[in-house]
Protein backbone atom coordinates (compact mmCIF):
# COMPACT_ATOMS: atom_id res chain seq x y z
CA MET A 1 -34.98 110.50 68.74
CA ALA A 2 -36.90 112.83 66.46
CA VAL A 3 -33.96 112.82 64.06
CA TYR A 4 -33.99 109.01 64.04
CA ASP A 5 -37.73 108.98 63.36
CA LEU A 6 -37.26 111.31 60.44
CA GLU A 7 -34.47 109.15 59.01
CA GLU A 8 -36.56 106.03 59.49
CA GLN A 9 -39.53 107.65 57.80
CA GLU A 10 -37.33 108.68 54.90
CA GLN A 11 -36.04 105.14 54.53
CA ILE A 12 -39.59 103.81 54.50
CA GLU A 13 -40.59 106.29 51.83
CA ASN A 14 -37.53 105.43 49.78
CA PHE A 15 -38.31 101.72 50.08
CA LYS A 16 -41.91 102.34 49.01
CA ALA A 17 -40.70 104.23 45.98
CA TRP A 18 -38.19 101.51 45.12
CA TRP A 19 -40.78 98.79 45.55
CA LYS A 20 -43.25 100.65 43.38
CA GLN A 21 -40.65 100.79 40.63
CA TYR A 22 -39.06 97.34 40.97
CA GLY A 23 -41.37 95.26 43.16
CA THR A 24 -43.28 93.63 40.32
CA LEU A 25 -40.07 92.73 38.50
CA LEU A 26 -38.55 91.27 41.66
CA THR A 27 -41.67 89.19 42.28
CA TRP A 28 -41.53 87.81 38.75
CA LEU A 29 -37.84 87.00 39.12
CA LEU A 30 -38.41 85.15 42.38
CA CYS A 31 -41.26 83.20 40.79
CA ALA A 32 -39.08 82.33 37.80
CA VAL A 33 -36.30 81.08 40.10
CA ALA A 34 -38.77 78.99 42.09
CA ILE A 35 -40.22 77.49 38.90
CA ALA A 36 -36.73 76.75 37.55
CA VAL A 37 -35.68 75.01 40.78
CA THR A 38 -38.87 72.98 40.85
CA GLY A 39 -38.48 72.10 37.18
CA TRP A 40 -34.87 70.99 37.67
CA GLN A 41 -35.81 68.80 40.61
CA GLY A 42 -38.67 67.33 38.58
CA TRP A 43 -36.35 66.66 35.64
CA GLN A 44 -33.84 64.91 37.90
CA TRP A 45 -36.58 62.75 39.37
CA ARG A 46 -37.87 61.80 35.92
CA GLN A 47 -34.35 60.96 34.71
CA SER A 48 -33.72 58.82 37.78
CA LYS A 49 -37.01 57.00 37.27
CA LEU A 50 -36.28 56.53 33.56
CA SER A 51 -32.82 55.14 34.27
CA ALA A 52 -34.21 52.69 36.82
CA GLU A 53 -36.81 51.45 34.34
CA ALA A 54 -34.18 51.14 31.61
CA GLY A 55 -31.98 49.12 33.97
CA THR A 56 -34.81 46.66 34.53
CA VAL A 57 -35.28 46.22 30.77
CA PHE A 58 -31.52 45.80 30.30
CA ILE A 59 -31.39 42.99 32.89
CA ALA A 60 -34.33 41.30 31.17
CA LEU A 61 -32.47 41.60 27.85
CA GLN A 62 -29.37 39.99 29.35
CA ASN A 63 -31.50 37.07 30.48
CA ALA A 64 -33.13 36.80 27.06
CA VAL A 65 -29.72 36.73 25.36
CA ALA A 66 -28.47 34.07 27.79
CA SER A 67 -31.44 31.87 26.94
CA ASP A 68 -31.41 32.63 23.18
CA ASN A 69 -34.97 33.91 23.38
CA MET A 70 -35.11 35.69 20.03
CA PRO A 71 -38.64 37.15 20.32
CA GLN A 72 -37.79 38.62 23.73
CA ILE A 73 -34.46 39.97 22.51
CA LYS A 74 -36.20 41.76 19.65
CA LEU A 75 -38.96 43.09 21.91
CA LEU A 76 -36.64 44.32 24.67
CA THR A 77 -34.11 45.85 22.28
CA GLY A 78 -36.91 47.81 20.63
CA GLU A 79 -38.16 48.92 24.03
CA LEU A 80 -34.71 50.20 24.98
CA THR A 81 -34.32 52.22 21.78
CA ASP A 82 -37.89 53.54 21.65
CA LYS A 83 -38.53 54.35 25.30
CA PHE A 84 -35.09 54.66 26.87
CA GLY A 85 -32.84 55.77 24.02
CA GLY A 86 -31.45 58.65 26.06
CA THR A 87 -30.22 56.47 28.91
CA SER A 88 -26.83 54.78 29.17
CA PHE A 89 -28.52 51.37 29.25
CA ALA A 90 -29.83 51.62 25.69
CA PRO A 91 -26.48 51.57 23.83
CA LEU A 92 -25.18 48.82 26.13
CA GLY A 93 -28.27 46.73 25.53
CA VAL A 94 -28.26 47.21 21.77
CA LEU A 95 -24.53 46.39 21.66
CA LEU A 96 -25.28 43.17 23.53
CA ALA A 97 -28.13 42.34 21.15
CA ALA A 98 -25.88 43.01 18.14
CA LYS A 99 -23.22 40.66 19.51
CA HIS A 100 -25.86 37.95 19.83
CA ALA A 101 -27.15 38.65 16.32
CA ILE A 102 -23.63 38.20 14.92
CA ALA A 103 -23.31 34.91 16.82
CA MET A 104 -26.63 33.83 15.25
CA ASP A 105 -25.31 34.90 11.80
CA ASP A 106 -28.04 37.55 11.53
CA ARG A 107 -25.73 40.13 10.03
CA GLU A 108 -28.38 42.50 8.76
CA THR A 109 -29.92 42.89 12.23
CA ALA A 110 -26.47 43.29 13.75
CA ARG A 111 -25.58 45.95 11.19
CA ILE A 112 -28.67 47.99 12.00
CA GLN A 113 -28.09 47.65 15.73
CA LEU A 114 -24.40 48.54 15.59
CA SER A 115 -25.17 51.57 13.44
CA TRP A 116 -27.67 52.70 16.08
CA VAL A 117 -25.04 52.40 18.81
CA VAL A 118 -22.53 54.35 16.73
CA LYS A 119 -25.07 57.17 16.46
CA HIS A 120 -26.45 57.14 19.99
CA GLY A 121 -23.74 55.66 22.22
CA GLY A 122 -21.18 57.53 24.28
CA ASP A 123 -17.67 57.88 22.90
CA GLU A 124 -16.15 54.58 24.02
CA ILE A 125 -19.33 52.56 23.43
CA ALA A 126 -19.52 54.04 19.93
CA ASP A 127 -15.86 53.15 19.38
CA ILE A 128 -16.60 49.51 20.21
CA ALA A 129 -19.64 49.52 17.93
CA ARG A 130 -17.63 50.97 15.01
CA LEU A 131 -14.95 48.32 15.46
CA ARG A 132 -17.50 45.50 15.48
CA LEU A 133 -19.35 47.05 12.54
CA ALA A 134 -16.09 47.21 10.59
CA GLY A 135 -15.50 43.53 11.34
CA LEU A 136 -19.01 42.70 10.14
CA LEU A 137 -18.50 44.70 6.93
CA LEU A 138 -15.19 42.91 6.41
CA ASP A 139 -16.98 39.56 6.65
CA ILE A 140 -19.45 40.55 3.93
CA LYS A 141 -16.64 41.98 1.79
CA GLU A 142 -17.72 45.63 2.00
CA TYR A 143 -14.13 46.74 2.38
CA GLU A 144 -14.52 50.44 1.62
CA ASN A 145 -17.41 50.75 4.05
CA ALA A 146 -15.36 48.95 6.69
CA LEU A 147 -12.47 51.35 6.21
CA GLY A 148 -14.93 54.24 6.35
CA GLU A 149 -15.96 53.19 9.86
CA LEU A 150 -12.30 52.97 10.88
CA LYS A 151 -11.51 56.53 9.76
CA HIS A 152 -12.97 57.78 13.04
CA LYS A 153 -10.29 58.49 15.63
CA PRO A 154 -11.12 56.30 18.64
CA ALA A 155 -10.14 56.63 22.27
CA ALA A 156 -6.52 55.68 22.94
CA ALA A 157 -7.57 52.33 24.40
CA PHE A 158 -8.98 51.25 21.01
CA ALA A 159 -6.43 52.84 18.68
CA ALA A 160 -4.33 49.69 18.24
CA ALA A 161 -7.41 47.54 17.60
CA TYR A 162 -8.59 50.01 14.95
CA ALA A 163 -5.20 49.90 13.21
CA GLU A 164 -5.14 46.10 13.32
CA MET A 165 -8.64 45.94 11.85
CA LYS A 166 -7.53 48.26 9.04
CA GLY A 167 -4.74 45.80 8.34
CA ASP A 168 -7.22 42.92 8.21
CA VAL A 169 -9.43 44.80 5.76
CA HIS A 170 -6.49 45.68 3.52
CA VAL A 171 -5.33 42.05 3.49
CA ALA A 172 -8.81 40.89 2.46
CA ALA A 173 -8.86 43.53 -0.27
CA GLY A 174 -5.44 42.43 -1.53
CA LYS A 175 -3.74 45.69 -0.56
CA PHE A 176 -0.72 44.20 1.17
CA ALA A 177 1.46 47.31 1.38
CA GLU A 178 -1.36 49.16 3.15
CA ALA A 179 -1.90 46.14 5.39
CA LYS A 180 1.76 46.13 6.44
CA ALA A 181 1.60 49.82 7.30
CA ALA A 182 -1.54 49.30 9.36
CA TYR A 183 -0.08 46.34 11.26
CA ARG A 184 3.12 48.28 11.97
CA GLU A 185 0.99 51.11 13.32
CA ALA A 186 -0.94 48.67 15.51
CA ILE A 187 2.30 47.22 16.88
CA ALA A 188 3.68 50.68 17.64
CA LEU A 189 0.46 51.62 19.43
CA GLN A 190 0.46 48.43 21.49
CA GLU A 191 4.08 49.04 22.47
CA GLN A 192 3.27 52.63 23.40
CA MET A 193 0.34 51.58 25.58
CA ALA A 194 2.44 48.90 27.28
CA ALA A 195 5.22 51.40 27.95
CA GLU A 196 2.79 53.88 29.49
CA LYS A 197 1.09 51.20 31.56
CA ASN A 198 4.34 49.70 32.83
CA ALA A 199 6.39 52.85 33.23
CA GLY A 200 9.53 52.09 35.23
CA LYS A 201 9.21 48.32 34.79
CA THR A 202 11.43 46.13 32.65
CA ILE A 203 9.32 44.07 30.25
CA ALA A 204 10.53 42.01 27.30
CA ARG A 205 9.71 43.69 24.00
CA GLU A 206 7.81 40.66 22.72
CA GLU A 207 5.40 40.94 25.63
CA HIS A 208 4.29 44.39 24.45
CA VAL A 209 2.50 43.07 21.38
CA SER A 210 -0.01 40.27 20.84
CA PRO A 211 1.60 37.25 19.10
CA LEU A 212 -1.27 37.11 16.61
CA LEU A 213 -0.59 40.65 15.44
CA ARG A 214 3.08 39.82 14.86
CA GLN A 215 2.06 36.68 12.96
CA LYS A 216 -0.18 38.75 10.70
CA LEU A 217 2.70 41.06 9.83
CA ASN A 218 5.14 38.17 9.39
CA ALA A 219 2.69 36.40 7.10
CA LEU A 220 3.04 39.32 4.71
CA GLY A 221 6.72 38.55 4.38
CA GLU A 222 8.08 40.96 6.97
CA ALA A 223 9.60 39.68 10.20
CA ASP A 224 9.26 42.45 12.76
CA ALA A 225 12.66 42.41 14.45
């Protein structure tokens, strides 16, 4: 028993010595961990609250677009970009507003909005915005700028649409050889996507590609056999 008491006393002394050397550091570390955990939980709560508020604004924007309420569309779009730009609702809302602006023939507003989505949207949302922006630039005959937007490599789901849009731009610019190459690329990409989607199924070749795309290529004097 006496031996045990001596060992216990030695352990206590060793612990005291260790605590004297490292106790303050350990206390600070524990405090830092507690602060970090609290901060992370607070950040998550703020993000959740922000997303919920952004969702409410987005729904209001949808209603404003449906009723062609231009002042509300402008107000709500600005609110999304200024207050909720970091949420997923902002790019979706601005993309919706840009689509409405194009329908209203307000190309300058649409151009600004689509450029914002390209910069702030997630990959696929930005891909859609670039494609629509290229179409807008095509309409106002800014062909080089349109092609500049289409230089970006999009997600596979949009690759064929990008190639087809390149063809459209080249046709408008009078560059028919380049247009043919772009349309052929679009056809090949559509066929590839169809083959991957319908692996193991027998589908007629003409069903792989949109008839309009084939018509565009044929109109340039090349029947795609």
